[in-house]
Amino acid sequence: MQEPNKFQIIFDAKSLELSNKGSITGILYFDFGDFQFPGIGWSDFVVVTSKTRQA
């Protein structure tokens, strides 16, 4: 069980796929313990989602 106000970022490197247009998608979601966002097994653009912004 996770501590209150803590979460994990779940990422499955084995799920990565490269599209014909060069987009990289894979399983990536947030696990808050009692609920997951957007949902378990969610697939999204992992490079866009995980890229950090520089000020």
Protein backbone atom coordinates (compact mmCIF):
# COMPACT_ATOMS: atom_id res chain seq x y z
CA MET A 1 0.00 0.00 0.00
CA GLN A 2 1.28 3.44 -0.90
CA GLU A 3 1.60 6.36 1.48
CA PRO A 4 -1.02 9.12 1.19
CA ASN A 5 -0.23 11.76 -1.47
CA LYS A 6 2.23 9.42 -3.20
CA PHE A 7 1.89 7.85 -6.61
CA GLN A 8 3.85 5.80 -9.11
CA ILE A 9 4.29 6.34 -12.82
CA ILE A 10 3.82 2.97 -14.51
CA PHE A 11 5.68 2.52 -17.79
CA ASP A 12 6.03 -0.70 -19.79
CA ALA A 13 9.09 -0.48 -22.05
CA LYS A 14 8.11 -3.75 -23.76
CA SER A 15 4.93 -2.06 -25.04
CA LEU A 16 6.75 0.61 -27.08
CA GLU A 17 5.70 0.89 -30.72
CA LEU A 18 7.01 3.16 -33.46
CA SER A 19 4.41 4.31 -36.00
CA ASN A 20 5.07 4.89 -39.71
CA LYS A 21 5.04 8.64 -38.95
CA GLY A 22 7.66 8.31 -36.20
CA SER A 23 5.40 8.58 -33.14
CA ILE A 24 6.30 6.38 -30.19
CA THR A 25 3.45 4.99 -28.10
CA GLY A 26 3.38 2.64 -25.15
CA ILE A 27 1.72 1.82 -21.85
CA LEU A 28 2.00 4.70 -19.41
CA TYR A 29 -0.31 5.62 -16.52
CA PHE A 30 -0.34 6.96 -12.96
CA ASP A 31 -1.01 4.62 -10.03
CA PHE A 32 -2.41 6.32 -6.92
CA GLY A 33 -2.87 3.02 -5.08
CA ASP A 34 -6.64 2.86 -4.98
CA PHE A 35 -7.11 4.24 -8.47
CA GLN A 36 -5.20 4.59 -11.73
CA PHE A 37 -5.29 7.48 -14.19
CA PRO A 38 -6.27 7.44 -16.99
CA GLY A 39 -6.57 3.66 -16.48
CA ILE A 40 -4.58 0.45 -16.16
CA GLY A 41 -2.92 -0.38 -19.46
CA TRP A 42 -3.46 3.09 -20.97
CA SER A 43 -1.40 3.59 -24.14
CA ASP A 44 -0.23 7.08 -25.07
CA PHE A 45 2.56 9.04 -26.74
CA VAL A 46 5.28 8.30 -24.18
CA VAL A 47 7.95 10.64 -25.56
CA VAL A 48 5.59 13.64 -25.60
CA THR A 49 4.16 12.75 -22.17
CA SER A 50 7.51 12.22 -20.47
CA LYS A 51 9.43 15.12 -22.05
CA THR A 52 10.29 17.84 -19.53
CA ARG A 53 9.95 21.51 -20.20
CA GLN A 54 12.83 23.88 -19.69
CA ALA A 55 12.09 27.39 -18.52
